[in-house]
């Protein structure tokens, strides 16, 4: 049976839209992460690939993707753990330190 985290994800999305440091590309990436997490029925650690995140967030160039993905790490929203094995996906952990962590 699927664990429905809809309300928790809505709280998270409402929270990130209030952060003035984030622009449309940050929000697109975070939205893509939330969508993947919801699809995977995960609450904090999401299995990702660059191509999937770029497709879901509608980011078409690698430099744009890498710039804003790195900034999300610097802002403390995510922790990226790369997988160097072609058969395993990398993971992203949602880290938001602004009291949302207890909700997710």
C-alpha atoms as a PDB file:
ATOM      1  CA  UNK A   1       0.000   0.000   0.000  1.00  0.00           C
ATOM      2  CA  UNK A   2       1.322   3.414  -0.963  1.00  0.00           C
ATOM      3  CA  UNK A   3       2.238   5.816   1.849  1.00  0.00           C
ATOM      4  CA  UNK A   4       0.683   9.148   0.805  1.00  0.00           C
ATOM      5  CA  UNK A   5       2.953  12.074   1.694  1.00  0.00           C
ATOM      6  CA  UNK A   6       1.015  14.680  -0.299  1.00  0.00           C
ATOM      7  CA  UNK A   7       0.470  17.067   2.606  1.00  0.00           C
ATOM      8  CA  UNK A   8       4.118  16.879   3.675  1.00  0.00           C
ATOM      9  CA  UNK A   9       5.320  17.619   0.148  1.00  0.00           C
ATOM     10  CA  UNK A  10       2.908  20.564  -0.140  1.00  0.00           C
ATOM     11  CA  UNK A  11       4.340  22.019   3.093  1.00  0.00           C
ATOM     12  CA  UNK A  12       7.838  21.591   1.696  1.00  0.00           C
ATOM     13  CA  UNK A  13       6.930  23.212  -1.634  1.00  0.00           C
ATOM     14  CA  UNK A  14       5.250  26.131   0.148  1.00  0.00           C
ATOM     15  CA  UNK A  15       8.350  26.559   2.291  1.00  0.00           C
ATOM     16  CA  UNK A  16      10.842  26.658  -0.577  1.00  0.00           C
ATOM     17  CA  UNK A  17       8.843  29.253  -2.510  1.00  0.00           C
ATOM     18  CA  UNK A  18       9.457  31.686   0.365  1.00  0.00           C
ATOM     19  CA  UNK A  19      13.260  31.447   0.129  1.00  0.00           C
ATOM     20  CA  UNK A  20      14.384  34.599  -1.722  1.00  0.00           C
ATOM     21  CA  UNK A  21      17.697  32.982  -2.713  1.00  0.00           C
ATOM     22  CA  UNK A  22      15.927  30.542  -5.004  1.00  0.00           C
ATOM     23  CA  UNK A  23      15.047  31.343  -8.589  1.00  0.00           C
ATOM     24  CA  UNK A  24      12.990  29.485 -11.161  1.00  0.00           C
ATOM     25  CA  UNK A  25      15.768  26.959 -11.918  1.00  0.00           C
ATOM     26  CA  UNK A  26      16.261  26.056  -8.249  1.00  0.00           C
ATOM     27  CA  UNK A  27      12.515  25.635  -7.853  1.00  0.00           C
ATOM     28  CA  UNK A  28      12.302  23.510 -11.002  1.00  0.00           C
ATOM     29  CA  UNK A  29      15.006  21.168  -9.682  1.00  0.00           C
ATOM     30  CA  UNK A  30      13.430  20.942  -6.224  1.00  0.00           C
ATOM     31  CA  UNK A  31      10.037  20.296  -7.784  1.00  0.00           C
ATOM     32  CA  UNK A  32      11.566  17.539  -9.919  1.00  0.00           C
ATOM     33  CA  UNK A  33      13.125  15.990  -6.795  1.00  0.00           C
ATOM     34  CA  UNK A  34       9.784  16.096  -4.984  1.00  0.00           C
ATOM     35  CA  UNK A  35       8.059  14.529  -7.976  1.00  0.00           C
ATOM     36  CA  UNK A  36      10.635  11.728  -8.131  1.00  0.00           C
ATOM     37  CA  UNK A  37      10.454  11.192  -4.368  1.00  0.00           C
ATOM     38  CA  UNK A  38       6.671  10.982  -4.525  1.00  0.00           C
ATOM     39  CA  UNK A  39       6.845   8.530  -7.426  1.00  0.00           C
ATOM     40  CA  UNK A  40       9.406   6.411  -5.552  1.00  0.00           C
ATOM     41  CA  UNK A  41       7.359   6.688  -2.326  1.00  0.00           C
ATOM     42  CA  UNK A  42      10.385   8.086  -0.507  1.00  0.00           C
ATOM     43  CA  UNK A  43      10.487  10.921   1.977  1.00  0.00           C
ATOM     44  CA  UNK A  44      14.125  12.007   2.120  1.00  0.00           C
ATOM     45  CA  UNK A  45      16.502   9.915  -0.008  1.00  0.00           C
ATOM     46  CA  UNK A  46      15.754   9.856  -3.723  1.00  0.00           C
ATOM     47  CA  UNK A  47      17.457   7.804  -6.445  1.00  0.00           C
ATOM     48  CA  UNK A  48      18.233  10.128  -9.344  1.00  0.00           C
ATOM     49  CA  UNK A  49      19.965  10.464 -12.653  1.00  0.00           C
ATOM     50  CA  UNK A  50      21.063  13.724 -14.224  1.00  0.00           C
ATOM     51  CA  UNK A  51      19.126  13.023 -17.406  1.00  0.00           C
ATOM     52  CA  UNK A  52      15.899  12.322 -15.501  1.00  0.00           C
ATOM     53  CA  UNK A  53      16.232  15.455 -13.344  1.00  0.00           C
ATOM     54  CA  UNK A  54      16.979  17.581 -16.395  1.00  0.00           C
ATOM     55  CA  UNK A  55      13.979  16.182 -18.248  1.00  0.00           C
ATOM     56  CA  UNK A  56      11.518  16.613 -15.373  1.00  0.00           C
ATOM     57  CA  UNK A  57      12.773  20.119 -14.519  1.00  0.00           C
ATOM     58  CA  UNK A  58      12.879  21.191 -18.209  1.00  0.00           C
ATOM     59  CA  UNK A  59      16.517  22.246 -17.940  1.00  0.00           C
ATOM     60  CA  UNK A  60      18.110  21.710 -21.330  1.00  0.00           C
ATOM     61  CA  UNK A  61      21.811  22.472 -20.786  1.00  0.00           C
ATOM     62  CA  UNK A  62      24.295  20.722 -18.522  1.00  0.00           C
ATOM     63  CA  UNK A  63      26.004  23.939 -17.306  1.00  0.00           C
ATOM     64  CA  UNK A  64      22.663  25.338 -16.111  1.00  0.00           C
ATOM     65  CA  UNK A  65      21.790  22.079 -14.394  1.00  0.00           C
ATOM     66  CA  UNK A  66      25.161  21.807 -12.649  1.00  0.00           C
ATOM     67  CA  UNK A  67      25.188  25.448 -11.538  1.00  0.00           C
ATOM     68  CA  UNK A  68      21.807  25.331  -9.817  1.00  0.00           C
ATOM     69  CA  UNK A  69      22.182  21.781  -8.522  1.00  0.00           C
ATOM     70  CA  UNK A  70      25.453  22.814  -6.855  1.00  0.00           C
ATOM     71  CA  UNK A  71      23.819  25.908  -5.365  1.00  0.00           C
ATOM     72  CA  UNK A  72      21.058  23.765  -3.838  1.00  0.00           C
ATOM     73  CA  UNK A  73      23.820  21.793  -2.120  1.00  0.00           C
ATOM     74  CA  UNK A  74      25.495  25.005  -0.919  1.00  0.00           C
ATOM     75  CA  UNK A  75      22.170  26.382   0.394  1.00  0.00           C
ATOM     76  CA  UNK A  76      21.723  23.223   2.460  1.00  0.00           C
ATOM     77  CA  UNK A  77      18.662  21.863   0.701  1.00  0.00           C
ATOM     78  CA  UNK A  78      20.210  18.659  -0.633  1.00  0.00           C
ATOM     79  CA  UNK A  79      23.091  16.272  -0.118  1.00  0.00           C
ATOM     80  CA  UNK A  80      24.235  14.586  -3.313  1.00  0.00           C
ATOM     81  CA  UNK A  81      25.930  11.188  -3.188  1.00  0.00           C
ATOM     82  CA  UNK A  82      27.223  10.183  -6.621  1.00  0.00           C
ATOM     83  CA  UNK A  83      27.312   6.609  -7.779  1.00  0.00           C
ATOM     84  CA  UNK A  84      30.288   5.758  -9.897  1.00  0.00           C
ATOM     85  CA  UNK A  85      28.786   2.438 -10.917  1.00  0.00           C
ATOM     86  CA  UNK A  86      26.790   2.511 -14.167  1.00  0.00           C
ATOM     87  CA  UNK A  87      24.231   0.081 -12.775  1.00  0.00           C
ATOM     88  CA  UNK A  88      23.346   2.138  -9.712  1.00  0.00           C
ATOM     89  CA  UNK A  89      21.756   5.543  -9.545  1.00  0.00           C
ATOM     90  CA  UNK A  90      23.120   8.386  -7.478  1.00  0.00           C
ATOM     91  CA  UNK A  91      21.111   9.567  -4.482  1.00  0.00           C
ATOM     92  CA  UNK A  92      19.937  12.939  -3.296  1.00  0.00           C
ATOM     93  CA  UNK A  93      18.949  13.481   0.314  1.00  0.00           C
ATOM     94  CA  UNK A  94      16.644  16.390   1.129  1.00  0.00           C
ATOM     95  CA  UNK A  95      18.308  18.245   3.997  1.00  0.00           C
ATOM     96  CA  UNK A  96      16.306  21.400   4.542  1.00  0.00           C
ATOM     97  CA  UNK A  97      17.495  22.732   7.903  1.00  0.00           C
ATOM     98  CA  UNK A  98      14.636  25.176   8.409  1.00  0.00           C
ATOM     99  CA  UNK A  99      12.421  22.887  10.534  1.00  0.00           C
ATOM    100  CA  UNK A 100      10.841  21.168   7.536  1.00  0.00           C
ATOM    101  CA  UNK A 101      13.063  18.149   8.133  1.00  0.00           C
ATOM    102  CA  UNK A 102      10.748  16.965  10.896  1.00  0.00           C
ATOM    103  CA  UNK A 103       7.830  17.060   8.485  1.00  0.00           C
ATOM    104  CA  UNK A 104       9.409  14.890   5.823  1.00  0.00           C
END
